Protein backbone atom coordinates (compact mmCIF):
# COMPACT_ATOMS: atom_id res chain seq x y z
CA MET A 1 12.55 -7.04 30.44
CA THR A 2 10.30 -7.85 33.33
CA ALA A 3 6.76 -9.18 33.22
CA ALA A 4 5.55 -5.66 34.06
CA ASP A 5 7.52 -4.29 31.10
CA ASP A 6 5.99 -6.94 28.85
CA ALA A 7 2.49 -6.07 30.08
CA ALA A 8 3.11 -2.34 29.56
CA ALA A 9 4.42 -2.97 26.03
CA ARG A 10 1.41 -5.17 25.24
CA ASP A 11 -0.97 -2.50 26.61
CA ALA A 12 0.71 0.24 24.57
CA ALA A 13 0.62 -1.94 21.44
CA ALA A 14 -3.10 -2.56 21.95
CA ARG A 15 -3.75 1.18 22.37
CA ILE A 16 -1.77 1.98 19.21
CA ALA A 17 -3.59 -0.73 17.24
CA GLY A 18 -6.93 0.63 18.44
CA GLN A 19 -6.02 4.17 17.47
CA VAL A 20 -4.76 3.08 14.04
CA GLU A 21 -8.00 1.16 13.47
CA ASN A 22 -10.06 4.20 14.48
CA ILE A 23 -8.15 6.33 11.97
CA ARG A 24 -8.62 3.69 9.24
CA ARG A 25 -12.36 3.59 10.01
CA VAL A 26 -12.69 7.36 9.58
CA LEU A 27 -10.82 7.23 6.26
CA ARG A 28 -12.91 4.25 5.03
CA GLU A 29 -16.15 5.98 6.02
CA SER A 30 -15.12 9.03 4.02
CA VAL A 31 -14.53 6.88 0.94
CA TRP A 32 -17.82 4.97 1.46
CA ALA A 33 -19.72 8.25 1.76
CA GLN A 34 -18.32 9.36 -1.57
CA ALA A 35 -18.83 5.93 -3.15
CA ARG A 36 -22.54 6.11 -2.29
CA GLY A 37 -22.76 9.15 -4.57
CA TYR A 38 -21.30 7.23 -7.51
CA PRO A 39 -23.90 6.36 -10.19
CA VAL A 40 -23.33 2.65 -9.48
CA SER A 41 -23.94 1.52 -5.92
CA LEU A 42 -20.69 -0.01 -4.65
CA THR A 43 -20.22 -2.46 -1.79
CA ALA A 44 -17.19 -2.44 0.50
CA PRO A 45 -15.59 -5.46 -1.26
CA GLN A 46 -16.15 -3.79 -4.64
CA VAL A 47 -14.40 -0.63 -3.45
CA GLN A 48 -11.58 -2.79 -2.07
CA ALA A 49 -11.24 -4.52 -5.46
CA LEU A 50 -11.10 -1.16 -7.21
CA GLN A 51 -8.43 0.08 -4.82
CA VAL A 52 -6.30 -3.03 -5.42
CA ILE A 53 -6.68 -2.70 -9.20
CA VAL A 54 -5.67 0.97 -9.13
CA GLU A 55 -2.67 0.29 -6.89
CA HIS A 56 -1.56 -2.46 -9.26
CA LEU A 57 -2.10 -0.18 -12.25
CA ARG A 58 0.08 2.49 -10.64
CA ARG A 59 2.87 -0.01 -9.98
CA ALA A 60 2.74 -2.15 -13.11
CA GLY A 61 0.91 0.01 -15.66
CA THR A 62 -1.46 -2.83 -16.64
CA GLY A 63 -4.54 -4.62 -15.41
CA LEU A 64 -4.20 -7.79 -13.39
CA SER A 65 -5.52 -11.32 -13.54
CA LEU A 66 -8.42 -12.59 -11.47
CA SER A 67 -6.02 -14.91 -9.61
CA ASP A 68 -3.74 -12.01 -8.73
CA LEU A 69 -6.68 -9.88 -7.62
CA SER A 70 -7.98 -12.74 -5.45
CA GLU A 71 -4.58 -13.16 -3.83
CA LYS A 72 -4.12 -9.44 -3.17
CA MET A 73 -7.61 -9.16 -1.65
CA GLY A 74 -7.14 -12.31 0.42
CA LEU A 75 -10.44 -13.73 -0.84
CA ALA A 76 -11.40 -16.92 -2.66
CA HIS A 77 -11.20 -16.91 -6.45
CA SER A 78 -14.95 -17.59 -6.75
CA THR A 79 -15.80 -14.67 -4.43
CA VAL A 80 -13.63 -12.24 -6.38
CA SER A 81 -14.99 -13.58 -9.67
CA GLY A 82 -18.49 -12.61 -8.50
CA ILE A 83 -17.31 -9.16 -7.44
CA VAL A 84 -15.62 -8.62 -10.81
CA SER A 85 -18.65 -9.91 -12.74
CA ARG A 86 -20.96 -7.45 -10.98
CA LEU A 87 -18.54 -4.56 -11.54
CA GLU A 88 -18.21 -5.58 -15.19
CA ARG A 89 -22.00 -5.75 -15.56
CA ASP A 90 -22.26 -2.25 -14.06
CA GLY A 91 -19.67 -0.88 -16.52
CA VAL A 92 -16.99 -0.25 -13.90
CA LEU A 93 -14.53 -2.95 -15.03
CA ARG A 94 -13.78 -4.81 -18.21
CA ARG A 95 -11.91 -8.01 -18.92
CA THR A 96 -9.53 -7.89 -21.84
CA ALA A 97 -7.23 -10.45 -23.38
CA ARG A 98 -3.63 -10.04 -22.26
CA PRO A 99 -1.56 -8.73 -25.16
CA ASP A 100 1.22 -11.27 -24.55
CA ASP A 101 -1.08 -14.31 -24.24
CA ARG A 102 -4.68 -14.09 -25.42
CA ARG A 103 -5.64 -17.20 -23.40
CA TYR A 104 -5.53 -15.07 -20.25
CA THR A 105 -7.56 -12.01 -19.37
CA GLN A 106 -6.68 -9.02 -17.31
CA ILE A 107 -9.08 -6.88 -15.35
CA GLU A 108 -9.06 -3.16 -16.08
CA LEU A 109 -11.06 -0.13 -15.07
CA THR A 110 -13.33 1.58 -17.56
CA GLY A 111 -12.61 5.26 -18.21
CA GLU A 112 -15.19 6.78 -15.84
CA ALA A 113 -14.34 4.36 -13.04
CA ARG A 114 -10.65 5.01 -13.49
CA GLN A 115 -11.24 8.76 -13.15
CA TRP A 116 -13.21 8.24 -9.92
CA VAL A 117 -10.77 5.80 -8.35
CA GLU A 118 -7.62 7.70 -9.33
CA HIS A 119 -8.80 11.22 -8.48
CA GLU A 120 -11.96 11.41 -6.42
CA MET A 121 -11.41 8.41 -4.11
CA PRO A 122 -7.97 9.59 -2.92
CA ALA A 123 -9.37 13.06 -2.26
CA ALA A 124 -12.17 11.51 -0.19
CA ARG A 125 -9.68 9.42 1.77
CA LEU A 126 -7.39 12.41 2.45
CA GLY A 127 -10.21 14.80 3.34
CA PRO A 128 -10.46 13.89 7.04
CA LEU A 129 -6.66 13.99 7.40
CA GLU A 130 -6.48 17.41 5.73
CA THR A 131 -9.14 18.70 8.10
CA ALA A 132 -7.23 17.37 11.11
CA VAL A 133 -3.93 18.84 9.86
CA ARG A 134 -5.56 22.25 9.42
CA LYS A 135 -6.82 22.12 13.03
CA ALA A 136 -3.47 21.00 14.48
CA THR A 137 -0.98 23.45 15.87
CA SER A 138 2.51 23.31 14.35
CA GLU A 139 3.70 21.50 17.49
CA GLU A 140 0.90 18.92 17.26
CA LEU A 141 1.59 18.33 13.57
CA ALA A 142 5.32 17.88 14.25
CA ALA A 143 4.50 15.41 17.07
CA ILE A 144 2.16 13.43 14.80
CA LEU A 145 4.69 13.26 11.96
CA ASN A 146 7.58 12.39 14.28
CA GLY A 147 5.55 9.75 16.10
CA LEU A 148 4.41 8.10 12.88
CA ALA A 149 7.93 8.18 11.42
CA THR A 150 9.29 6.60 14.60
CA LEU A 151 6.62 3.88 14.61
CA GLU A 152 7.24 3.16 10.94
CA ARG A 153 10.98 2.87 11.60
CA LEU A 154 10.48 0.53 14.58
CA LEU A 155 8.05 -1.80 12.85
CA PRO A 156 9.62 -4.80 11.11
CA SER A 157 9.56 -4.51 7.35
CA THR A 158 7.75 -7.30 5.58
CA GLY A 159 9.23 -6.27 2.24
CA PRO A 160 7.33 -6.11 -1.04
CA HIS A 161 4.48 -8.50 -1.77
CA PRO A 162 5.95 -11.54 -3.62
CA LYS A 163 4.02 -10.72 -6.81
CA ASP A 164 4.59 -6.95 -6.64
CA PRO A 165 7.42 -5.44 -8.61
CA ALA A 166 10.26 -4.32 -6.34
C-alpha cells in the first residue's frame, strides 16, 4: 500500500465513522424523545443504565451487581451508584439480595420500567430505521444490507465481553 492508499483508507474510515455516528444520534434522539414522555424524567446516563440492565437481563436472566453495571457502562462505581439511587428513588429500579449470597445485591427493573425498556424503548429506537426502510427502493435496501454485512465481516471481532456469558 502506498501513502496515497493509506490516506484514502483513513478518509473512507473517517467518513464511515461519521455516518455511523449520525445514525446512532438519530436512534438515540428517538429514544430520548420517548423517554421524555415517561412519567419519570430520565437523563441520558439513566437511559444508558436501563439499556445495560435490560441487555444483561436478556442474556443472563437476572439482575446485575453495581460493580458489573459500572464496568459495562464504563463509569466510576460512585457515579453509577448515584444513577441507581435516583432510579431506585423514582421507582424504576430496585436492589434485591442475590439468592445465592444475601451479602450482595443485584439491580433489577421494576415491573413498569421493565415493560417500557423491553417493549417501548426498542420500538422507539427502531422507528427511524423502519421509516427509512419503507422509503428505500428494493435496490437501496439490498445495498444497505449488503454494505453493512460486508463492513461487519471486515471489522475485527473483539469477542464477547469478559463478564458476558458466551
